[in-house]
Amino acid sequence: MQVRPSTEVRQATAGDAAALVALWSAVRSEAKSDDEELTPTSASVANPTVEEAARVLAFNESRHGRHVLVALIDDEIVGVVGVDVTTFSIIAEPKVLLITDFLVHPDFRRRSVGASLLKAVATLAEQYDCSVVTATLPTWAKEPNRYLTKLGFNQVAIMRGVPISRLHARLAAKSTGSRQTGRMVAIRRSLRRKSVPIDESPSS
């Protein structure tokens, strides 16, 4: 009987950048067959370079409460999960462990890679005294979303995004529209005052 190789889980380092970019590309290629067109927001993270990935990994490594865990089989990175310690509210507990990335290489599905990563996530949640684990994943990550749903993850929020250039443009247009509306209201009030007949006193 063939023995299935065990899965090792450890913290990611900047040295894992090339392997994680390859993993990302494999998962994205699988999803492209029925993927909707990239939006300006999703396109900004569609094709990371190795240099970019190394910078981001180093940045995340320095952040308190941020962890990137990789799963390895025979020293090959076959899965990754990224988590953040946060809260549901800015003024109320409980603390939450938020999954921001959860990828398993298509060739290594159904080999308990995802389960091994999530066991490590659950251990982290306990260490940080987080009573809830949540996940925010891209819409194209259909397999991870299905997997988490089967494990009991329910929808608790909607995440939206907009490029900062578009946000500035929309806010500027909204502000300009408000000023124009205000000027029109002032003009209308002025015209109404002028159209009111003056009550003249009778001549003596």
Protein backbone atom coordinates (compact mmCIF):
# COMPACT_ATOMS: atom_id res chain seq x y z
CA MET A 1 0.00 0.00 0.00
CA GLN A 2 1.37 3.39 -1.00
CA VAL A 3 1.85 5.76 1.92
CA ARG A 4 0.62 9.29 1.30
CA PRO A 5 3.36 11.84 2.10
CA SER A 6 2.65 14.01 5.12
CA THR A 7 1.96 17.74 4.89
CA GLU A 8 4.24 20.15 6.72
CA VAL A 9 2.99 23.64 7.64
CA ARG A 10 5.32 26.52 8.50
CA GLN A 11 5.56 30.29 8.42
CA ALA A 12 6.35 31.73 4.98
CA THR A 13 9.46 33.82 4.36
CA ALA A 14 10.55 36.18 1.59
CA GLY A 15 12.54 33.26 0.19
CA ASP A 16 9.27 31.53 -0.70
CA ALA A 17 8.32 34.28 -3.15
CA ALA A 18 9.02 32.37 -6.38
CA ALA A 19 7.18 29.24 -5.19
CA LEU A 20 4.16 31.27 -4.08
CA VAL A 21 3.99 33.17 -7.39
CA ALA A 22 4.03 29.80 -9.19
CA LEU A 23 1.25 28.53 -6.90
CA TRP A 24 -0.78 31.70 -7.49
CA SER A 25 -0.38 31.36 -11.27
CA ALA A 26 -1.46 27.70 -11.22
CA VAL A 27 -4.63 28.49 -9.29
CA ARG A 28 -5.42 31.56 -11.43
CA SER A 29 -4.92 29.58 -14.67
CA GLU A 30 -7.38 26.95 -13.47
CA ALA A 31 -9.98 29.62 -12.66
CA LYS A 32 -9.65 31.54 -15.93
CA SER A 33 -11.76 29.09 -17.93
CA ASP A 34 -14.98 30.42 -16.38
CA ASP A 35 -13.61 33.60 -14.83
CA GLU A 36 -15.39 36.89 -15.31
CA GLU A 37 -13.45 39.79 -16.78
CA LEU A 38 -10.96 41.35 -14.39
CA THR A 39 -12.05 44.60 -12.81
CA PRO A 40 -9.52 47.44 -12.29
CA THR A 41 -9.36 46.36 -8.64
CA SER A 42 -8.74 42.66 -9.20
CA ALA A 43 -6.36 43.33 -12.11
CA SER A 44 -3.99 45.13 -9.75
CA VAL A 45 -3.20 41.81 -8.03
CA ALA A 46 -3.66 39.49 -11.01
CA ASN A 47 -0.03 38.83 -11.92
CA PRO A 48 2.44 39.53 -9.08
CA THR A 49 6.16 39.32 -9.84
CA VAL A 50 8.65 37.43 -7.69
CA GLU A 51 10.24 40.73 -6.61
CA GLU A 52 6.85 42.14 -5.61
CA ALA A 53 5.95 38.96 -3.74
CA ALA A 54 9.22 39.07 -1.78
CA ARG A 55 8.55 42.68 -0.75
CA VAL A 56 5.00 41.90 0.35
CA LEU A 57 6.07 38.80 2.28
CA ALA A 58 8.72 40.83 4.12
CA PHE A 59 6.13 43.54 4.86
CA ASN A 60 3.62 41.03 6.20
CA GLU A 61 6.28 39.33 8.31
CA SER A 62 6.86 42.60 10.18
CA ARG A 63 3.17 43.20 10.98
CA HIS A 64 1.80 42.22 14.35
CA GLY A 65 -1.00 39.69 14.07
CA ARG A 66 -0.30 38.96 10.40
CA HIS A 67 0.72 35.40 9.47
CA VAL A 68 1.36 33.70 6.14
CA LEU A 69 1.49 29.91 6.42
CA VAL A 70 2.64 27.58 3.65
CA ALA A 71 1.94 23.86 3.27
CA LEU A 72 4.69 21.63 1.89
CA ILE A 73 4.72 18.07 0.57
CA ASP A 74 8.18 16.65 -0.07
CA ASP A 75 9.61 20.15 0.40
CA GLU A 76 7.38 21.58 -2.36
CA ILE A 77 5.01 24.45 -1.47
CA VAL A 78 1.54 23.25 -2.45
CA GLY A 79 -0.71 25.55 -0.42
CA VAL A 80 -0.83 28.85 1.43
CA VAL A 81 -3.09 30.70 3.83
CA GLY A 82 -2.80 34.30 5.02
CA VAL A 83 -4.49 35.50 8.20
CA ASP A 84 -4.92 38.75 10.15
CA VAL A 85 -5.94 39.26 13.76
CA THR A 86 -8.69 41.89 13.84
CA THR A 87 -12.13 42.65 15.32
CA PHE A 88 -15.63 42.78 13.84
CA SER A 89 -16.02 46.32 15.15
CA ILE A 90 -13.76 49.27 15.95
CA ILE A 91 -15.31 49.52 19.42
CA ALA A 92 -16.42 46.00 20.33
CA GLU A 93 -15.08 42.50 20.65
CA PRO A 94 -14.79 39.60 19.86
CA LYS A 95 -11.40 39.34 18.22
CA VAL A 96 -11.46 37.62 14.84
CA LEU A 97 -8.90 35.73 12.81
CA LEU A 98 -9.49 36.83 9.21
CA ILE A 99 -8.36 34.58 6.35
CA THR A 100 -7.31 36.80 3.42
CA ASP A 101 -5.72 34.14 1.18
CA PHE A 102 -6.35 30.40 0.92
CA LEU A 103 -4.88 28.55 -2.05
CA VAL A 104 -4.12 24.89 -2.73
CA HIS A 105 -2.35 23.78 -5.91
CA PRO A 106 -4.84 22.04 -8.26
CA ASP A 107 -2.59 18.96 -8.47
CA PHE A 108 -2.67 18.52 -4.68
CA ARG A 109 -6.38 18.86 -3.96
CA ARG A 110 -8.10 16.18 -1.83
CA ARG A 111 -4.85 15.37 -0.07
CA SER A 112 -5.70 17.15 3.20
CA VAL A 113 -3.55 20.18 2.32
CA GLY A 114 -6.38 22.61 3.03
CA ALA A 115 -7.28 20.80 6.24
CA SER A 116 -3.66 20.98 7.43
CA LEU A 117 -3.56 24.73 6.79
CA LEU A 118 -6.88 25.32 8.56
CA LYS A 119 -5.77 23.27 11.58
CA ALA A 120 -2.80 25.65 11.88
CA VAL A 121 -5.19 28.58 11.49
CA ALA A 122 -7.40 27.26 14.30
CA THR A 123 -4.34 26.92 16.55
CA LEU A 124 -3.37 30.54 15.80
CA ALA A 125 -6.91 31.67 16.58
CA GLU A 126 -6.71 30.05 19.99
CA GLN A 127 -3.29 31.61 20.66
CA TYR A 128 -4.67 35.08 19.94
CA ASP A 129 -7.90 34.41 21.87
CA CYS A 130 -10.01 34.81 18.73
CA SER A 131 -13.46 33.32 19.11
CA VAL A 132 -14.33 33.46 15.38
CA VAL A 133 -12.52 32.65 12.13
CA THR A 134 -13.72 34.50 9.02
CA ALA A 135 -12.57 34.58 5.40
CA THR A 136 -12.55 37.12 2.59
CA LEU A 137 -11.54 35.54 -0.70
CA PRO A 138 -11.68 36.71 -4.34
CA THR A 139 -14.77 35.70 -6.28
CA TRP A 140 -12.68 33.73 -8.77
CA ALA A 141 -11.38 31.44 -5.98
CA LYS A 142 -14.35 29.11 -6.41
CA GLU A 143 -12.76 25.93 -5.00
CA PRO A 144 -11.57 27.57 -1.74
CA ASN A 145 -14.95 29.26 -1.32
CA ARG A 146 -16.79 25.98 -1.82
CA TYR A 147 -14.45 24.21 0.59
CA LEU A 148 -14.94 26.79 3.33
CA THR A 149 -18.71 26.71 2.84
CA LYS A 150 -18.70 22.93 3.38
CA LEU A 151 -16.82 23.51 6.65
CA GLY A 152 -19.56 25.84 7.92
CA PHE A 153 -18.26 29.29 6.91
CA ASN A 154 -21.34 31.48 6.36
CA GLN A 155 -21.59 34.86 4.66
CA VAL A 156 -21.33 37.64 7.25
CA ALA A 157 -20.28 40.64 5.14
CA ILE A 158 -19.72 41.96 1.62
CA MET A 159 -16.28 43.25 0.68
CA ARG A 160 -16.03 45.94 -1.98
CA GLY A 161 -13.05 47.65 -3.58
CA VAL A 162 -12.29 50.63 -5.82
CA PRO A 163 -9.03 51.99 -7.29
CA ILE A 164 -7.98 55.14 -5.42
CA SER A 165 -7.87 57.16 -8.67
CA ARG A 166 -11.52 56.33 -9.38
CA LEU A 167 -12.52 57.08 -5.79
CA HIS A 168 -10.90 60.53 -5.98
CA ALA A 169 -12.63 61.21 -9.31
CA ARG A 170 -16.06 60.14 -8.04
CA LEU A 171 -15.72 62.16 -4.82
CA ALA A 172 -14.59 65.24 -6.76
CA ALA A 173 -17.60 64.93 -9.08
CA LYS A 174 -19.93 64.47 -6.13
CA SER A 175 -18.47 67.52 -4.39
CA THR A 176 -18.79 69.65 -7.54
CA GLY A 177 -22.37 68.50 -7.98
CA SER A 178 -23.20 69.49 -4.41
CA ARG A 179 -21.79 73.01 -4.93
CA GLN A 180 -23.74 73.44 -8.16
CA THR A 181 -26.92 72.23 -6.48
CA GLY A 182 -26.37 74.68 -3.64
CA ARG A 183 -25.90 77.58 -6.06
CA MET A 184 -29.08 76.67 -7.96
CA VAL A 185 -31.09 76.57 -4.72
CA ALA A 186 -29.76 80.02 -3.76
CA ILE A 187 -30.65 81.45 -7.18
CA ARG A 188 -34.19 80.04 -7.02
CA ARG A 189 -34.75 81.52 -3.57
CA SER A 190 -33.50 84.88 -4.78
CA LEU A 191 -35.84 84.80 -7.79
CA ARG A 192 -38.80 83.89 -5.59
CA ARG A 193 -38.12 86.85 -3.29
CA LYS A 194 -38.02 89.22 -6.26
CA SER A 195 -41.29 87.90 -7.65
CA VAL A 196 -43.27 88.50 -4.42
CA PRO A 197 -45.43 91.63 -4.90
CA ILE A 198 -44.60 94.56 -2.62
CA ASP A 199 -47.48 95.59 -0.40
CA GLU A 200 -47.52 99.40 -0.92
CA SER A 201 -49.30 101.70 1.48
CA PRO A 202 -52.30 103.61 0.03
CA SER A 203 -51.60 107.17 -0.94
CA SER A 204 -52.98 109.86 1.34
